């Protein structure tokens, strides 16, 4: 019994995994059916999963279908994973700067913030109550400043 126990311990502690014999495209397919968070976690399972979790094939599945049109022409990314995390950490202005787009890091879900210019504000075009100002720290070009309450 102790001989089998020792053998089992060596197997568990070894660097190889039964998954290492799977074709990488198969593992990529499996990983791409999970979430971005899970893709990062499964990278610790084996070398095969680590390789798949770095694959552009996997990370492209987590990007929105229209991602190419959202990438500023001035930016270059070495991988789809790098692009994914850029979308998570650095929101992109879309629709003539009236909306901000980013991805939720854990789930990959799209997030959109509307600017005040994109919503209807009661008496928003009445200078007595509202002023549209540039605010350098703001995400959007102009913000609504309430001047007076009725």
N, C-alpha and C. Protein backbone atom coordinates (compact mmCIF):
# COMPACT_ATOMS: atom_id res chain seq x y z
N UNK A 1 0.81 -1.19 0.00
CA UNK A 1 0.00 0.00 0.00
C UNK A 1 0.86 1.26 0.00
N UNK A 2 1.92 1.30 0.78
CA UNK A 2 2.75 2.49 0.82
C UNK A 2 3.47 2.71 -0.51
N UNK A 3 3.75 1.62 -1.24
CA UNK A 3 4.38 1.75 -2.55
C UNK A 3 3.45 2.47 -3.53
N UNK A 4 2.17 2.09 -3.55
CA UNK A 4 1.19 2.75 -4.43
C UNK A 4 0.98 4.20 -4.00
N UNK A 5 0.96 4.41 -2.71
CA UNK A 5 0.75 5.77 -2.20
C UNK A 5 1.90 6.68 -2.65
N UNK A 6 3.11 6.20 -2.58
CA UNK A 6 4.27 6.98 -3.01
C UNK A 6 4.24 7.24 -4.50
N UNK A 7 3.83 6.23 -5.27
CA UNK A 7 3.73 6.38 -6.72
C UNK A 7 2.69 7.45 -7.07
N UNK A 8 1.56 7.41 -6.40
CA UNK A 8 0.50 8.38 -6.65
C UNK A 8 0.98 9.80 -6.32
N UNK A 9 1.72 9.94 -5.26
CA UNK A 9 2.22 11.26 -4.87
C UNK A 9 3.17 11.81 -5.94
N UNK A 10 4.01 10.95 -6.52
CA UNK A 10 4.92 11.40 -7.58
C UNK A 10 4.12 11.85 -8.81
N UNK A 11 3.04 11.12 -9.11
CA UNK A 11 2.22 11.48 -10.27
C UNK A 11 1.58 12.85 -10.07
N UNK A 12 1.06 13.08 -8.89
CA UNK A 12 0.40 14.35 -8.60
C UNK A 12 1.41 15.49 -8.63
N UNK A 13 2.58 15.25 -8.12
CA UNK A 13 3.59 16.29 -8.05
C UNK A 13 4.35 16.48 -9.36
N UNK A 14 4.13 15.65 -10.35
CA UNK A 14 4.89 15.76 -11.60
C UNK A 14 4.43 16.98 -12.40
N UNK A 15 5.27 17.39 -13.33
CA UNK A 15 4.97 18.55 -14.16
C UNK A 15 4.04 18.22 -15.32
N UNK A 16 3.87 16.96 -15.62
CA UNK A 16 3.01 16.60 -16.75
C UNK A 16 1.57 16.43 -16.29
N UNK A 17 0.68 16.52 -17.24
CA UNK A 17 -0.74 16.41 -16.97
C UNK A 17 -1.37 15.57 -18.07
N UNK A 18 -2.43 14.86 -17.77
CA UNK A 18 -3.10 14.10 -18.83
C UNK A 18 -3.59 15.01 -19.96
N UNK A 19 -3.82 16.27 -19.64
CA UNK A 19 -4.28 17.22 -20.66
C UNK A 19 -3.20 17.59 -21.66
N UNK A 20 -1.94 17.36 -21.28
CA UNK A 20 -0.83 17.71 -22.17
C UNK A 20 -0.87 16.92 -23.47
N UNK A 21 -1.57 15.80 -23.49
CA UNK A 21 -1.65 15.00 -24.72
C UNK A 21 -2.81 15.43 -25.61
N UNK A 22 -3.67 16.32 -25.13
CA UNK A 22 -4.80 16.80 -25.94
C UNK A 22 -4.28 17.76 -27.02
N UNK A 23 -4.89 17.78 -28.19
CA UNK A 23 -4.51 18.77 -29.21
C UNK A 23 -4.81 20.18 -28.70
N UNK A 24 -3.91 21.11 -28.99
CA UNK A 24 -4.09 22.48 -28.48
C UNK A 24 -5.38 23.12 -28.98
N UNK A 25 -5.77 22.85 -30.23
CA UNK A 25 -7.01 23.45 -30.73
C UNK A 25 -8.23 22.95 -29.96
N UNK A 26 -8.16 21.72 -29.46
CA UNK A 26 -9.24 21.16 -28.64
C UNK A 26 -9.31 21.90 -27.30
N UNK A 27 -8.16 22.11 -26.70
CA UNK A 27 -8.11 22.82 -25.41
C UNK A 27 -8.53 24.28 -25.60
N UNK A 28 -8.11 24.89 -26.70
CA UNK A 28 -8.52 26.27 -26.99
C UNK A 28 -10.04 26.36 -27.10
N UNK A 29 -10.64 25.39 -27.75
CA UNK A 29 -12.10 25.37 -27.90
C UNK A 29 -12.77 25.30 -26.53
N UNK A 30 -12.24 24.44 -25.66
CA UNK A 30 -12.78 24.29 -24.30
C UNK A 30 -12.66 25.60 -23.53
N UNK A 31 -11.46 26.17 -23.54
CA UNK A 31 -11.19 27.39 -22.77
C UNK A 31 -12.02 28.57 -23.30
N UNK A 32 -12.21 28.64 -24.61
CA UNK A 32 -12.97 29.76 -25.17
C UNK A 32 -14.46 29.68 -24.84
N UNK A 33 -14.91 28.54 -24.33
CA UNK A 33 -16.31 28.40 -23.90
C UNK A 33 -16.50 28.80 -22.44
N UNK A 34 -15.44 29.24 -21.79
CA UNK A 34 -15.52 29.66 -20.39
C UNK A 34 -15.61 31.19 -20.36
N UNK A 35 -15.19 31.78 -19.27
CA UNK A 35 -15.17 33.23 -19.14
C UNK A 35 -13.71 33.70 -19.16
N UNK A 36 -13.48 35.00 -19.36
CA UNK A 36 -12.10 35.50 -19.29
C UNK A 36 -11.43 35.18 -17.95
N UNK A 37 -12.18 35.29 -16.87
CA UNK A 37 -11.61 34.97 -15.56
C UNK A 37 -11.19 33.50 -15.51
N UNK A 38 -12.07 32.62 -15.98
CA UNK A 38 -11.76 31.19 -15.98
C UNK A 38 -10.57 30.88 -16.88
N UNK A 39 -10.45 31.58 -17.99
CA UNK A 39 -9.32 31.36 -18.89
C UNK A 39 -8.00 31.65 -18.18
N UNK A 40 -8.00 32.68 -17.35
CA UNK A 40 -6.79 33.00 -16.58
C UNK A 40 -6.52 31.93 -15.52
N UNK A 41 -7.57 31.43 -14.89
CA UNK A 41 -7.41 30.41 -13.84
C UNK A 41 -6.95 29.08 -14.42
N UNK A 42 -7.54 28.65 -15.55
CA UNK A 42 -7.17 27.33 -16.10
C UNK A 42 -5.74 27.31 -16.60
N UNK A 43 -5.14 28.45 -16.79
CA UNK A 43 -3.74 28.50 -17.22
C UNK A 43 -2.83 27.82 -16.21
N UNK A 44 -3.29 27.66 -14.98
CA UNK A 44 -2.47 27.02 -13.94
C UNK A 44 -2.64 25.50 -13.91
N UNK A 45 -3.58 24.95 -14.70
CA UNK A 45 -3.86 23.51 -14.68
C UNK A 45 -2.72 22.70 -15.26
N UNK A 46 -2.23 23.12 -16.41
CA UNK A 46 -1.16 22.39 -17.08
C UNK A 46 -0.52 23.29 -18.11
N UNK A 47 0.59 22.85 -18.66
CA UNK A 47 1.27 23.63 -19.69
C UNK A 47 0.38 23.77 -20.93
N UNK A 48 -0.39 22.73 -21.24
CA UNK A 48 -1.28 22.79 -22.40
C UNK A 48 -2.36 23.84 -22.19
N UNK A 49 -2.93 23.90 -21.00
CA UNK A 49 -3.95 24.91 -20.72
C UNK A 49 -3.33 26.31 -20.66
N UNK A 50 -2.12 26.40 -20.15
CA UNK A 50 -1.43 27.69 -20.10
C UNK A 50 -1.23 28.22 -21.52
N UNK A 51 -0.78 27.35 -22.41
CA UNK A 51 -0.58 27.75 -23.80
C UNK A 51 -1.89 28.17 -24.46
N UNK A 52 -2.94 27.38 -24.24
CA UNK A 52 -4.25 27.71 -24.81
C UNK A 52 -4.79 29.02 -24.25
N UNK A 53 -4.58 29.25 -22.96
CA UNK A 53 -5.10 30.45 -22.31
C UNK A 53 -4.40 31.73 -22.80
N UNK A 54 -3.27 31.58 -23.46
CA UNK A 54 -2.57 32.74 -24.04
C UNK A 54 -2.92 32.93 -25.51
N UNK A 55 -3.64 31.99 -26.07
CA UNK A 55 -3.91 31.96 -27.50
C UNK A 55 -4.84 33.08 -27.97
N UNK A 56 -4.52 33.66 -29.12
CA UNK A 56 -5.40 34.66 -29.73
C UNK A 56 -6.75 34.07 -30.08
N UNK A 57 -6.78 32.78 -30.41
CA UNK A 57 -8.04 32.10 -30.74
C UNK A 57 -9.01 32.20 -29.55
N UNK A 58 -8.50 31.97 -28.35
CA UNK A 58 -9.32 32.04 -27.14
C UNK A 58 -9.77 33.47 -26.87
N UNK A 59 -8.84 34.41 -26.85
CA UNK A 59 -9.16 35.78 -26.45
C UNK A 59 -10.01 36.50 -27.47
N UNK A 60 -9.92 36.10 -28.73
CA UNK A 60 -10.80 36.72 -29.73
C UNK A 60 -12.26 36.38 -29.45
N UNK A 61 -12.52 35.23 -28.86
CA UNK A 61 -13.89 34.84 -28.50
C UNK A 61 -14.46 35.74 -27.41
N UNK A 62 -13.59 36.33 -26.59
CA UNK A 62 -14.05 37.19 -25.51
C UNK A 62 -14.23 38.65 -25.95
N UNK A 63 -13.74 38.97 -27.13
CA UNK A 63 -13.89 40.33 -27.66
C UNK A 63 -15.23 40.46 -28.38
N UNK A 64 -15.81 41.67 -28.38
CA UNK A 64 -17.09 41.84 -29.09
C UNK A 64 -16.87 41.71 -30.60
N UNK A 65 -17.89 41.31 -31.34
CA UNK A 65 -17.73 41.11 -32.78
C UNK A 65 -17.19 42.34 -33.52
N UNK A 66 -17.53 43.52 -33.04
CA UNK A 66 -17.12 44.76 -33.71
C UNK A 66 -15.82 45.33 -33.15
N UNK A 67 -15.03 44.52 -32.46
CA UNK A 67 -13.86 45.06 -31.75
C UNK A 67 -12.88 45.79 -32.66
N UNK A 68 -12.71 45.34 -33.89
CA UNK A 68 -11.72 45.96 -34.78
C UNK A 68 -12.04 47.44 -35.03
N UNK A 69 -13.32 47.77 -35.11
CA UNK A 69 -13.72 49.16 -35.36
C UNK A 69 -13.56 50.03 -34.11
N UNK A 70 -13.37 49.42 -32.96
CA UNK A 70 -13.25 50.16 -31.71
C UNK A 70 -11.80 50.46 -31.33
N UNK A 71 -10.86 49.81 -32.00
CA UNK A 71 -9.44 49.99 -31.67
C UNK A 71 -8.94 51.27 -32.33
N UNK A 72 -8.45 52.22 -31.53
CA UNK A 72 -7.90 53.45 -32.12
C UNK A 72 -6.73 53.10 -33.05
N UNK A 73 -6.67 53.77 -34.19
CA UNK A 73 -5.61 53.47 -35.17
C UNK A 73 -4.21 53.75 -34.62
N UNK A 74 -4.11 54.57 -33.61
CA UNK A 74 -2.81 54.90 -33.02
C UNK A 74 -2.30 53.83 -32.06
N UNK A 75 -3.13 52.84 -31.73
CA UNK A 75 -2.74 51.81 -30.76
C UNK A 75 -2.41 50.50 -31.46
N UNK A 76 -1.42 49.80 -30.95
CA UNK A 76 -1.06 48.47 -31.47
C UNK A 76 -0.99 47.51 -30.28
N UNK A 77 -1.52 46.33 -30.47
CA UNK A 77 -1.53 45.32 -29.41
C UNK A 77 -0.84 44.06 -29.91
N UNK A 78 -0.01 43.47 -29.07
CA UNK A 78 0.75 42.29 -29.49
C UNK A 78 -0.07 41.01 -29.43
N UNK A 79 -1.20 41.05 -28.74
CA UNK A 79 -2.05 39.86 -28.65
C UNK A 79 -3.49 40.27 -28.40
N UNK A 80 -4.39 39.35 -28.64
CA UNK A 80 -5.82 39.60 -28.38
C UNK A 80 -6.06 39.70 -26.87
N UNK A 81 -5.26 38.99 -26.09
CA UNK A 81 -5.39 39.08 -24.63
C UNK A 81 -5.03 40.49 -24.16
N UNK A 82 -3.96 41.04 -24.71
CA UNK A 82 -3.55 42.41 -24.36
C UNK A 82 -4.65 43.40 -24.77
N UNK A 83 -5.23 43.19 -25.95
CA UNK A 83 -6.32 44.05 -26.41
C UNK A 83 -7.54 43.93 -25.49
N UNK A 84 -7.86 42.71 -25.09
CA UNK A 84 -8.99 42.48 -24.18
C UNK A 84 -8.82 43.31 -22.90
N UNK A 85 -7.64 43.20 -22.28
CA UNK A 85 -7.42 43.92 -21.02
C UNK A 85 -7.35 45.44 -21.24
N UNK A 86 -6.94 45.87 -22.42
CA UNK A 86 -6.97 47.31 -22.72
C UNK A 86 -8.42 47.80 -22.75
N UNK A 87 -9.32 47.02 -23.35
CA UNK A 87 -10.74 47.38 -23.36
C UNK A 87 -11.32 47.39 -21.94
N UNK A 88 -10.77 46.58 -21.06
CA UNK A 88 -11.26 46.54 -19.67
C UNK A 88 -10.78 47.75 -18.87
N UNK A 89 -9.57 48.19 -19.13
CA UNK A 89 -8.95 49.21 -18.29
C UNK A 89 -8.97 50.61 -18.88
N UNK A 90 -9.22 50.73 -20.17
CA UNK A 90 -9.16 52.04 -20.83
C UNK A 90 -10.39 52.21 -21.74
N UNK A 91 -11.49 52.74 -21.20
CA UNK A 91 -12.72 52.88 -22.00
C UNK A 91 -12.51 53.67 -23.29
N UNK A 92 -13.29 53.32 -24.30
CA UNK A 92 -13.20 53.94 -25.62
C UNK A 92 -14.46 54.77 -25.86
N UNK A 93 -14.28 56.00 -26.33
CA UNK A 93 -15.44 56.82 -26.68
C UNK A 93 -15.97 56.38 -28.04
N UNK A 94 -17.29 56.22 -28.12
CA UNK A 94 -17.94 55.80 -29.36
C UNK A 94 -19.11 56.73 -29.66
N UNK A 95 -19.71 56.56 -30.83
CA UNK A 95 -20.87 57.36 -31.25
C UNK A 95 -20.62 58.86 -31.08
N UNK A 96 -19.58 59.33 -31.76
CA UNK A 96 -19.21 60.75 -31.73
C UNK A 96 -18.95 61.27 -30.32
N UNK A 97 -18.41 60.43 -29.47
CA UNK A 97 -18.05 60.84 -28.12
C UNK A 97 -19.20 60.96 -27.16
N UNK A 98 -20.36 60.41 -27.51
CA UNK A 98 -21.52 60.51 -26.62
C UNK A 98 -21.71 59.27 -25.75
N UNK A 99 -20.90 58.25 -25.99
CA UNK A 99 -20.96 57.03 -25.19
C UNK A 99 -19.54 56.55 -24.91
N UNK A 100 -19.38 55.87 -23.79
CA UNK A 100 -18.11 55.28 -23.43
C UNK A 100 -18.29 53.77 -23.35
N UNK A 101 -17.38 53.03 -23.97
CA UNK A 101 -17.48 51.57 -24.05
C UNK A 101 -16.29 50.93 -23.36
N UNK A 102 -16.54 49.87 -22.59
CA UNK A 102 -15.47 49.05 -22.02
C UNK A 102 -16.01 47.65 -21.78
N UNK A 103 -15.12 46.73 -21.44
CA UNK A 103 -15.50 45.35 -21.14
C UNK A 103 -15.32 45.09 -19.65
N UNK A 104 -16.25 44.34 -19.07
CA UNK A 104 -16.10 43.89 -17.69
C UNK A 104 -14.98 42.86 -17.67
N UNK A 105 -14.01 43.06 -16.82
CA UNK A 105 -12.81 42.21 -16.81
C UNK A 105 -13.12 40.74 -16.54
N UNK A 106 -13.97 40.44 -15.60
CA UNK A 106 -14.23 39.04 -15.22
C UNK A 106 -15.12 38.31 -16.21
N UNK A 107 -16.15 38.99 -16.69
CA UNK A 107 -17.14 38.30 -17.52
C UNK A 107 -16.99 38.55 -19.02
N UNK A 108 -16.37 39.67 -19.38
CA UNK A 108 -16.26 40.03 -20.78
C UNK A 108 -17.50 40.73 -21.32
N UNK A 109 -18.46 41.01 -20.45
CA UNK A 109 -19.69 41.66 -20.90
C UNK A 109 -19.42 43.11 -21.27
N UNK A 110 -20.16 43.58 -22.29
CA UNK A 110 -20.02 44.96 -22.74
C UNK A 110 -20.64 45.90 -21.72
N UNK A 111 -19.97 47.02 -21.49
CA UNK A 111 -20.48 48.07 -20.61
C UNK A 111 -20.50 49.37 -21.42
N UNK A 112 -21.58 50.11 -21.30
CA UNK A 112 -21.69 51.37 -22.02
C UNK A 112 -22.21 52.44 -21.06
N UNK A 113 -21.51 53.56 -21.03
CA UNK A 113 -21.92 54.71 -20.23
C UNK A 113 -22.39 55.79 -21.20
N UNK A 114 -23.54 56.36 -20.92
CA UNK A 114 -24.08 57.43 -21.75
C UNK A 114 -23.63 58.78 -21.20
N UNK A 115 -23.27 59.69 -22.10
CA UNK A 115 -22.96 61.05 -21.66
C UNK A 115 -24.28 61.79 -21.44
N UNK A 116 -24.21 62.90 -20.73
CA UNK A 116 -25.41 63.71 -20.50
C UNK A 116 -25.97 64.21 -21.83
N UNK A 117 -25.12 64.37 -22.83
CA UNK A 117 -25.57 64.82 -24.15
C UNK A 117 -26.43 63.76 -24.83
N UNK A 118 -26.32 62.53 -24.38
CA UNK A 118 -27.02 61.41 -25.02
C UNK A 118 -28.36 61.10 -24.38
N UNK A 119 -28.70 61.81 -23.32
CA UNK A 119 -29.98 61.57 -22.65
C UNK A 119 -30.79 62.86 -22.65
N UNK A 120 -32.05 62.73 -22.39
CA UNK A 120 -32.92 63.90 -22.36
C UNK A 120 -33.01 64.41 -20.92
N UNK A 121 -32.57 65.65 -20.74
CA UNK A 121 -32.63 66.28 -19.42
C UNK A 121 -33.71 67.36 -19.48
N UNK A 122 -34.63 67.29 -18.53
CA UNK A 122 -35.71 68.28 -18.52
C UNK A 122 -35.12 69.68 -18.48
N UNK A 123 -35.57 70.52 -19.38
CA UNK A 123 -35.09 71.89 -19.54
C UNK A 123 -33.58 71.94 -19.80
N UNK A 124 -33.05 70.88 -20.37
CA UNK A 124 -31.62 70.81 -20.64
C UNK A 124 -31.13 71.86 -21.61
N UNK A 125 -32.03 72.38 -22.43
CA UNK A 125 -31.65 73.43 -23.38
C UNK A 125 -32.05 74.82 -22.89
N UNK A 126 -32.38 74.92 -21.60
CA UNK A 126 -32.77 76.21 -21.02
C UNK A 126 -31.59 76.75 -20.20
N UNK A 127 -30.93 77.81 -20.70
CA UNK A 127 -29.73 78.34 -20.03
C UNK A 127 -29.98 78.80 -18.58
N UNK A 128 -31.23 79.08 -18.24
CA UNK A 128 -31.55 79.50 -16.88
C UNK A 128 -31.27 78.36 -15.88
N UNK A 129 -31.42 77.12 -16.34
CA UNK A 129 -31.29 75.98 -15.43
C UNK A 129 -30.02 75.15 -15.64
N UNK A 130 -29.57 75.06 -16.87
CA UNK A 130 -28.44 74.19 -17.19
C UNK A 130 -27.38 74.92 -18.00
N UNK A 131 -26.16 74.53 -17.76
CA UNK A 131 -25.05 75.03 -18.57
C UNK A 131 -24.24 73.81 -19.02
N UNK A 132 -23.89 73.78 -20.30
CA UNK A 132 -23.07 72.69 -20.84
C UNK A 132 -21.64 73.18 -20.86
N UNK A 133 -20.80 72.54 -20.05
CA UNK A 133 -19.42 73.02 -19.89
C UNK A 133 -18.42 71.92 -20.23
N UNK A 134 -17.21 72.38 -20.58
CA UNK A 134 -16.09 71.45 -20.76
C UNK A 134 -15.48 71.23 -19.38
N UNK A 135 -15.23 70.00 -19.06
CA UNK A 135 -14.66 69.66 -17.75
C UNK A 135 -13.49 68.72 -18.02
N UNK A 136 -12.24 69.20 -17.92
CA UNK A 136 -11.07 68.42 -18.33
C UNK A 136 -10.96 67.03 -17.70
N UNK A 137 -11.41 66.88 -16.47
CA UNK A 137 -11.29 65.58 -15.80
C UNK A 137 -12.39 64.60 -16.21
N UNK A 138 -13.39 65.08 -16.94
CA UNK A 138 -14.53 64.24 -17.32
C UNK A 138 -14.17 63.34 -18.49
N UNK A 139 -14.89 62.28 -18.60
CA UNK A 139 -14.71 61.32 -19.69
C UNK A 139 -15.21 61.90 -21.02
N UNK A 140 -16.27 62.72 -20.94
CA UNK A 140 -16.90 63.26 -22.14
C UNK A 140 -16.51 64.72 -22.34
N UNK A 141 -16.66 65.20 -23.58
CA UNK A 141 -16.24 66.57 -23.92
C UNK A 141 -16.99 67.63 -23.13
N UNK A 142 -18.31 67.43 -23.01
CA UNK A 142 -19.12 68.41 -22.28
C UNK A 142 -19.97 67.71 -21.25
N UNK A 143 -20.17 68.39 -20.13
CA UNK A 143 -21.01 67.86 -19.06
C UNK A 143 -22.09 68.90 -18.74
N UNK A 144 -23.17 68.42 -18.18
CA UNK A 144 -24.27 69.31 -17.81
C UNK A 144 -24.06 69.80 -16.38
N UNK A 145 -24.15 71.11 -16.21
CA UNK A 145 -24.03 71.70 -14.88
C UNK A 145 -25.37 72.34 -14.53
N UNK A 146 -25.97 71.88 -13.43
CA UNK A 146 -27.25 72.43 -12.98
C UNK A 146 -26.99 73.78 -12.32
N UNK A 147 -27.65 74.80 -12.81
CA UNK A 147 -27.46 76.15 -12.29
C UNK A 147 -28.48 76.52 -11.23
N UNK A 148 -29.72 76.09 -11.43
CA UNK A 148 -30.79 76.52 -10.55
C UNK A 148 -31.88 75.46 -10.51
N UNK A 149 -32.49 75.30 -9.35
CA UNK A 149 -33.64 74.41 -9.22
C UNK A 149 -34.91 75.22 -9.34
N UNK A 150 -35.96 74.62 -9.86
CA UNK A 150 -37.26 75.30 -10.02
C UNK A 150 -37.87 75.59 -8.68
